[in-house]
Amino acid sequence: MVTLSISPGFHVNANPATFSYLIATQLTAGKVAGITVGAPGYPAAVKKKFQFAEQPLAVYEGEAPIKLNLRAEPKAAAGSRSLPVNVRVQACDEEQCFPPATINTTISVTVK
């Protein structure tokens, strides 16, 4: 699981985003030997009304846990691995949205 910690007063667009022109939060994972990565499971969005939009938008605020489905391949050797993950987000406050950004990190995965 990858948990986004969103600062108070800010939000990011949910996945799926309310409108096609909004940048949805998107988690992608790299490749690592012995691990198959499935589609991410995004949390339920909060519908919120902002000054800059006529309709409420689907957003994440606070903590947003994104489930990442992983499976060890049948012949995978036991041990720890570092799985690279990227999260593309567009942070906004009550008045404006900032340029999209990609957060690059790794998560530790253990094959038993």
C-alpha atoms as a PDB file:
ATOM      1  CA  MET A   1       0.000   0.000   0.000  1.00  0.00           C
ATOM      2  CA  VAL A   2       1.148   3.518  -0.786  1.00  0.00           C
ATOM      3  CA  THR A   3      -0.350   6.240   1.404  1.00  0.00           C
ATOM      4  CA  LEU A   4      -0.448   9.840   0.223  1.00  0.00           C
ATOM      5  CA  SER A   5      -0.209  12.358   3.067  1.00  0.00           C
ATOM      6  CA  ILE A   6      -1.825  15.548   1.804  1.00  0.00           C
ATOM      7  CA  SER A   7      -1.122  18.734   3.756  1.00  0.00           C
ATOM      8  CA  PRO A   8      -4.076  20.503   5.430  1.00  0.00           C
ATOM      9  CA  GLY A   9      -5.714  23.017   3.108  1.00  0.00           C
ATOM     10  CA  PHE A  10      -4.737  21.060  -0.011  1.00  0.00           C
ATOM     11  CA  HIS A  11      -6.303  18.298  -2.057  1.00  0.00           C
ATOM     12  CA  VAL A  12      -5.433  16.208  -5.114  1.00  0.00           C
ATOM     13  CA  ASN A  13      -7.815  15.002  -7.793  1.00  0.00           C
ATOM     14  CA  ALA A  14      -9.186  11.516  -7.275  1.00  0.00           C
ATOM     15  CA  ASN A  15      -8.851   8.626  -9.687  1.00  0.00           C
ATOM     16  CA  PRO A  16     -10.930   8.824 -11.744  1.00  0.00           C
ATOM     17  CA  ALA A  17     -10.999  12.625 -11.860  1.00  0.00           C
ATOM     18  CA  THR A  18     -14.343  14.418 -12.116  1.00  0.00           C
ATOM     19  CA  PHE A  19     -13.563  15.835 -15.576  1.00  0.00           C
ATOM     20  CA  SER A  20     -11.240  14.563 -18.310  1.00  0.00           C
ATOM     21  CA  TYR A  21      -9.216  17.791 -18.282  1.00  0.00           C
ATOM     22  CA  LEU A  22      -8.273  17.352 -14.601  1.00  0.00           C
ATOM     23  CA  ILE A  23      -5.105  15.456 -13.704  1.00  0.00           C
ATOM     24  CA  ALA A  24      -6.140  12.306 -11.832  1.00  0.00           C
ATOM     25  CA  THR A  25      -3.893  10.867  -9.133  1.00  0.00           C
ATOM     26  CA  GLN A  26      -2.086   7.959 -10.771  1.00  0.00           C
ATOM     27  CA  LEU A  27       0.171   5.312  -9.237  1.00  0.00           C
ATOM     28  CA  THR A  28       2.547   3.366 -11.483  1.00  0.00           C
ATOM     29  CA  ALA A  29       5.136   0.812 -10.466  1.00  0.00           C
ATOM     30  CA  GLY A  30       8.376  -0.159 -12.119  1.00  0.00           C
ATOM     31  CA  LYS A  31       9.585  -3.681 -12.683  1.00  0.00           C
ATOM     32  CA  VAL A  32      11.525  -5.817 -10.275  1.00  0.00           C
ATOM     33  CA  ALA A  33      12.608  -9.442 -10.684  1.00  0.00           C
ATOM     34  CA  GLY A  34      10.145 -12.003  -9.344  1.00  0.00           C
ATOM     35  CA  ILE A  35       7.220  -9.621  -8.766  1.00  0.00           C
ATOM     36  CA  THR A  36       4.137  -9.099 -10.911  1.00  0.00           C
ATOM     37  CA  VAL A  37       2.356  -5.790 -10.313  1.00  0.00           C
ATOM     38  CA  GLY A  38      -1.412  -5.547 -10.787  1.00  0.00           C
ATOM     39  CA  ALA A  39      -3.665  -2.540 -11.176  1.00  0.00           C
ATOM     40  CA  PRO A  40      -3.735  -0.091  -8.244  1.00  0.00           C
ATOM     41  CA  GLY A  41      -6.863   0.204  -6.103  1.00  0.00           C
ATOM     42  CA  TYR A  42      -7.707   3.834  -5.433  1.00  0.00           C
ATOM     43  CA  PRO A  43      -9.656   4.935  -2.339  1.00  0.00           C
ATOM     44  CA  ALA A  44     -13.155   6.373  -2.460  1.00  0.00           C
ATOM     45  CA  ALA A  45     -13.157  10.066  -3.288  1.00  0.00           C
ATOM     46  CA  VAL A  46     -14.638  12.917  -1.296  1.00  0.00           C
ATOM     47  CA  LYS A  47     -16.943  15.247  -3.272  1.00  0.00           C
ATOM     48  CA  LYS A  48     -16.104  18.848  -2.433  1.00  0.00           C
ATOM     49  CA  LYS A  49     -17.160  22.246  -3.806  1.00  0.00           C
ATOM     50  CA  PHE A  50     -14.435  24.809  -4.566  1.00  0.00           C
ATOM     51  CA  GLN A  51     -14.585  28.451  -5.653  1.00  0.00           C
ATOM     52  CA  PHE A  52     -12.885  27.727  -8.969  1.00  0.00           C
ATOM     53  CA  ALA A  53     -15.324  24.985 -10.082  1.00  0.00           C
ATOM     54  CA  GLU A  54     -19.054  25.093 -10.746  1.00  0.00           C
ATOM     55  CA  GLN A  55     -19.612  21.480  -9.641  1.00  0.00           C
ATOM     56  CA  PRO A  56     -18.235  19.530  -6.679  1.00  0.00           C
ATOM     57  CA  LEU A  57     -15.012  17.702  -7.521  1.00  0.00           C
ATOM     58  CA  ALA A  58     -13.883  14.193  -6.564  1.00  0.00           C
ATOM     59  CA  VAL A  59     -10.751  14.671  -4.471  1.00  0.00           C
ATOM     60  CA  TYR A  60      -8.502  13.119  -1.841  1.00  0.00           C
ATOM     61  CA  GLU A  61      -7.628  15.039   1.325  1.00  0.00           C
ATOM     62  CA  GLY A  62      -5.624  14.083   4.409  1.00  0.00           C
ATOM     63  CA  GLU A  63      -4.417  10.518   3.911  1.00  0.00           C
ATOM     64  CA  ALA A  64      -5.254   8.592   0.758  1.00  0.00           C
ATOM     65  CA  PRO A  65      -4.232   4.912   0.829  1.00  0.00           C
ATOM     66  CA  ILE A  66      -3.690   3.399  -2.619  1.00  0.00           C
ATOM     67  CA  LYS A  67      -3.570  -0.400  -2.687  1.00  0.00           C
ATOM     68  CA  LEU A  68      -0.965  -1.921  -4.950  1.00  0.00           C
ATOM     69  CA  ASN A  69      -1.678  -5.541  -5.897  1.00  0.00           C
ATOM     70  CA  LEU A  70       1.565  -7.523  -5.986  1.00  0.00           C
ATOM     71  CA  ARG A  71       2.150 -11.201  -6.670  1.00  0.00           C
ATOM     72  CA  ALA A  72       5.341 -13.196  -6.348  1.00  0.00           C
ATOM     73  CA  GLU A  73       6.097 -15.136  -9.503  1.00  0.00           C
ATOM     74  CA  PRO A  74       6.190 -18.938  -9.013  1.00  0.00           C
ATOM     75  CA  LYS A  75       9.985 -19.237  -9.276  1.00  0.00           C
ATOM     76  CA  ALA A  76      10.812 -15.994  -7.455  1.00  0.00           C
ATOM     77  CA  ALA A  77      13.686 -16.275  -5.014  1.00  0.00           C
ATOM     78  CA  ALA A  78      12.914 -15.415  -1.397  1.00  0.00           C
ATOM     79  CA  GLY A  79      14.188 -12.105  -0.110  1.00  0.00           C
ATOM     80  CA  SER A  80      13.637  -8.354  -0.073  1.00  0.00           C
ATOM     81  CA  ARG A  81      13.408  -6.126  -3.111  1.00  0.00           C
ATOM     82  CA  SER A  82      12.947  -2.410  -3.719  1.00  0.00           C
ATOM     83  CA  LEU A  83      10.024  -1.686  -6.032  1.00  0.00           C
ATOM     84  CA  PRO A  84      10.148   1.733  -7.698  1.00  0.00           C
ATOM     85  CA  VAL A  85       6.804   3.559  -7.651  1.00  0.00           C
ATOM     86  CA  ASN A  86       5.694   6.866  -9.135  1.00  0.00           C
ATOM     87  CA  VAL A  87       2.651   8.860  -8.100  1.00  0.00           C
ATOM     88  CA  ARG A  88       1.452  11.630 -10.407  1.00  0.00           C
ATOM     89  CA  VAL A  89      -0.638  14.255  -8.619  1.00  0.00           C
ATOM     90  CA  GLN A  90      -1.899  17.766  -9.072  1.00  0.00           C
ATOM     91  CA  ALA A  91      -2.177  19.571  -5.751  1.00  0.00           C
ATOM     92  CA  CYS A  92      -4.709  22.361  -5.335  1.00  0.00           C
ATOM     93  CA  ASP A  93      -5.838  24.634  -2.543  1.00  0.00           C
ATOM     94  CA  GLU A  94      -9.149  26.492  -2.220  1.00  0.00           C
ATOM     95  CA  GLU A  95      -8.276  28.951  -4.991  1.00  0.00           C
ATOM     96  CA  GLN A  96      -5.858  27.434  -7.477  1.00  0.00           C
ATOM     97  CA  CYS A  97      -4.192  24.311  -8.778  1.00  0.00           C
ATOM     98  CA  PHE A  98      -0.460  23.898  -9.057  1.00  0.00           C
ATOM     99  CA  PRO A  99       1.368  22.252 -11.977  1.00  0.00           C
ATOM    100  CA  PRO A 100       1.225  18.442 -11.940  1.00  0.00           C
ATOM    101  CA  ALA A 101       4.139  16.705 -10.253  1.00  0.00           C
ATOM    102  CA  THR A 102       5.436  13.149 -10.037  1.00  0.00           C
ATOM    103  CA  ILE A 103       6.608  11.751  -6.718  1.00  0.00           C
ATOM    104  CA  ASN A 104       9.259   9.048  -7.194  1.00  0.00           C
ATOM    105  CA  THR A 105      10.033   6.626  -4.382  1.00  0.00           C
ATOM    106  CA  THR A 106      10.522   2.933  -3.643  1.00  0.00           C
ATOM    107  CA  ILE A 107       8.687   0.488  -1.437  1.00  0.00           C
ATOM    108  CA  SER A 108      10.202  -2.594   0.166  1.00  0.00           C
ATOM    109  CA  VAL A 109       8.707  -5.903  -0.952  1.00  0.00           C
ATOM    110  CA  THR A 110       9.561  -9.239   0.672  1.00  0.00           C
ATOM    111  CA  VAL A 111       9.081 -12.581  -1.084  1.00  0.00           C
ATOM    112  CA  LYS A 112       8.748 -15.421   1.409  1.00  0.00           C
END
